[in-house]
Each structure stands twice: as C-alpha cells, then as structure tokens.
Protein backbone atom coordinates (compact mmCIF):
# COMPACT_ATOMS: atom_id res chain seq x y z
CA UNK A 1 -162.41 174.68 71.35
CA UNK A 2 -158.96 174.96 69.95
CA UNK A 3 -158.44 174.54 66.29
CA UNK A 4 -155.78 172.27 64.99
CA UNK A 5 -153.14 174.18 62.97
CA UNK A 6 -153.29 173.43 59.28
CA UNK A 7 -150.31 171.91 57.58
CA UNK A 8 -148.77 174.06 54.90
CA UNK A 9 -150.38 173.44 51.55
CA UNK A 10 -148.29 171.87 48.85
CA UNK A 11 -149.73 173.92 46.02
CA UNK A 12 -148.15 174.62 42.68
CA UNK A 13 -146.63 172.29 40.20
CA UNK A 14 -145.43 168.84 41.17
CA UNK A 15 -141.64 168.41 41.14
CA UNK A 16 -140.12 167.69 37.75
CA UNK A 17 -139.09 164.11 37.08
CA UNK A 18 -137.08 163.54 33.91
CA UNK A 19 -137.95 160.56 31.76
CA UNK A 20 -135.58 158.45 29.68
CA UNK A 21 -136.99 160.08 26.53
CA UNK A 22 -136.22 163.52 28.00
CA UNK A 23 -132.63 162.46 28.69
CA UNK A 24 -132.23 161.22 25.10
CA UNK A 25 -133.74 164.45 23.78
CA UNK A 26 -131.29 166.54 25.80
CA UNK A 27 -128.34 164.49 24.49
CA UNK A 28 -129.55 164.75 20.89
CA UNK A 29 -130.16 168.49 21.06
CA UNK A 30 -126.80 169.06 22.75
CA UNK A 31 -125.13 167.00 20.00
CA UNK A 32 -126.49 169.22 17.25
CA UNK A 33 -125.31 172.34 19.11
CA UNK A 34 -128.49 173.71 20.68
CA UNK A 35 -128.09 176.07 23.63
CA UNK A 36 -129.24 175.20 27.12
CA UNK A 37 -132.05 177.76 26.86
CA UNK A 38 -133.46 176.29 23.64
CA UNK A 39 -133.23 172.75 25.05
CA UNK A 40 -135.12 173.87 28.16
CA UNK A 41 -137.73 175.57 25.99
CA UNK A 42 -138.24 172.42 23.94
CA UNK A 43 -138.85 170.42 27.12
CA UNK A 44 -141.05 173.21 28.54
CA UNK A 45 -138.93 173.58 31.66
CA UNK A 46 -136.82 176.35 33.17
CA UNK A 47 -133.11 176.43 32.23
CA UNK A 48 -132.21 176.07 35.93
CA UNK A 49 -134.36 172.93 36.12
CA UNK A 50 -132.56 171.62 33.04
CA UNK A 51 -129.15 172.18 34.63
CA UNK A 52 -130.34 170.62 37.91
CA UNK A 53 -131.79 167.41 36.43
CA UNK A 54 -129.57 166.86 33.37
CA UNK A 55 -125.97 167.71 34.38
CA UNK A 56 -124.48 164.53 32.86
CA UNK A 57 -126.39 164.85 29.60
CA UNK A 58 -125.36 168.50 29.22
CA UNK A 59 -121.71 167.74 29.99
CA UNK A 60 -121.30 164.46 28.12
CA UNK A 61 -124.24 164.41 25.70
CA UNK A 62 -122.22 165.51 22.72
CA UNK A 63 -119.52 162.91 23.32
CA UNK A 64 -122.03 160.10 23.89
CA UNK A 65 -123.96 160.84 20.70
CA UNK A 66 -120.76 161.29 18.69
CA UNK A 67 -119.62 157.88 19.91
CA UNK A 68 -122.95 156.43 18.77
CA UNK A 69 -122.70 158.07 15.34
CA UNK A 70 -119.13 156.86 14.83
CA UNK A 71 -120.18 153.35 15.81
CA UNK A 72 -122.97 153.45 13.24
CA UNK A 73 -120.52 154.70 10.61
CA UNK A 74 -118.11 151.86 11.31
CA UNK A 75 -120.91 149.28 11.15
CA UNK A 76 -122.09 150.75 7.87
CA UNK A 77 -118.56 150.83 6.47
CA UNK A 78 -118.01 147.18 7.39
CA UNK A 79 -121.19 146.32 5.47
CA UNK A 80 -119.69 147.96 2.37
CA UNK A 81 -121.25 151.44 2.44
CA UNK A 82 -118.83 153.58 0.41
CA UNK A 83 -120.19 156.89 1.74
CA UNK A 84 -119.54 155.72 5.30
CA UNK A 85 -116.01 154.69 4.35
CA UNK A 86 -115.31 158.11 2.82
CA UNK A 87 -116.73 159.92 5.86
CA UNK A 88 -114.59 157.88 8.25
CA UNK A 89 -111.52 158.52 6.11
CA UNK A 90 -112.31 162.25 6.10
CA UNK A 91 -112.78 162.24 9.89
CA UNK A 92 -109.48 160.43 10.31
CA UNK A 93 -107.65 162.96 8.17
CA UNK A 94 -109.27 165.87 10.00
CA UNK A 95 -108.16 164.41 13.32
CA UNK A 96 -104.62 164.05 11.95
CA UNK A 97 -104.67 160.26 11.83
CA UNK A 98 -101.79 159.22 9.56
CA UNK A 99 -100.05 162.59 9.67
CA UNK A 100 -99.74 162.57 13.45
CA UNK A 101 -98.13 159.11 13.39
CA UNK A 102 -95.49 160.31 10.90
CA UNK A 103 -94.82 163.41 13.00
CA UNK A 104 -94.24 161.28 16.08
CA UNK A 105 -91.76 159.06 14.23
CA UNK A 106 -89.64 161.83 12.67
CA UNK A 107 -89.47 164.20 15.63
CA UNK A 108 -85.96 165.58 16.17
CA UNK A 109 -84.43 165.58 19.65
CA UNK A 110 -85.22 168.71 21.63
CA UNK A 111 -82.34 171.19 21.84
CA UNK A 112 -81.48 173.19 24.93
CA UNK A 113 -81.61 176.98 25.09
CA UNK A 114 -77.95 177.52 24.27
CA UNK A 115 -77.99 175.12 21.33
CA UNK A 116 -81.09 176.85 19.94
CA UNK A 117 -79.40 180.27 20.27
CA UNK A 118 -76.24 179.06 18.53
CA UNK A 119 -78.24 177.54 15.68
CA UNK A 120 -80.24 180.76 15.32
CA UNK A 121 -77.03 182.84 15.26
CA UNK A 122 -75.56 180.68 12.47
CA UNK A 123 -78.73 180.99 10.43
CA UNK A 124 -78.74 184.81 10.43
CA UNK A 125 -78.70 186.19 6.93
CA UNK A 126 -79.62 189.21 4.91
CA UNK A 127 -79.18 192.66 6.42
CA UNK A 128 -77.99 191.35 9.80
CA UNK A 129 -75.55 188.74 8.52
CA UNK A 130 -71.92 189.20 9.60
CA UNK A 131 -69.76 190.79 6.90
CA UNK A 132 -67.48 188.62 4.81
CA UNK A 133 -63.80 188.91 5.69
CA UNK A 134 -61.66 191.02 3.34
CA UNK A 135 -59.69 189.29 0.59
CA UNK A 136 -55.94 189.75 0.85
CA UNK A 137 -54.21 190.89 -2.29
CA UNK A 138 -50.68 190.11 -1.07
CA UNK A 139 -49.71 187.01 0.77
CA UNK A 140 -47.12 187.92 3.44
CA UNK A 141 -45.41 184.65 4.09
C-alpha cells in the first residue's frame, strides 16, 4: 500500500486582519506622536505587520485626525465657544494667516543679479565705505 502524501500543515497564528477600531487606534496614536514601535506594541502586533497592514493610516493618520480636530473646533466656535475661537485664532496666527497675506501684497519686484550688486555697492558704509572727496580751498576758474 502506498500512503498518500500529507499536505503541509498550516500551523501557527492565523493571518492578521485589521479591524476598523484598529485603524482608528493607529490614526489616533499617530496623531499624538507615538512611534511605530509603540503603536505596534499597543495592538500586540509586530512593527512589520503594522507597516504592512496600516500604510495609509501611518502616512496620513496625523493629517486626517488634525482635520477632524479642526472641524470640531470650527463647529464649537460657531456655537459660541470662546476657547475654541481663541484656539483657532492662535492656530491662524501660528500658520501666518493675516501676516502672509500682507507679505504677498507688499512684495517688491525681484531684482536681477547686477541690480542687486549695484544696490549692495551703494549701501556700503563704515570701514569699507569709499572716502569722501577732498574739499578744494581755492577755486581755479
């Protein structure tokens, strides 16, 4: 009698399947600045498994959660929350909100290399300034 060859056993852990809650957890932890290793530890998976199954959350998680937080701030500010208004104003100033608009409006035209060199030569002062011409005592006309 010939024995039938056995199929290879599929022992070990089953393959990892991320849940929606796991994806939200990865985004939240990435938003607060946790490292990939600590996120993997919190999910009880290997860091390589984390990078394999959550590439979008690791790359865009911070931006997605920040967008959500800013949306909540705006909603709160519209409802009259003064703290939310102040935080949004602070975030706008930090991003250069009003200041960047003024800078764009008052920007001078860009000078070429030669014009820049001539302007720099005229502005030389102090030790390297050209000497003043001598004053004539007698006028020879």
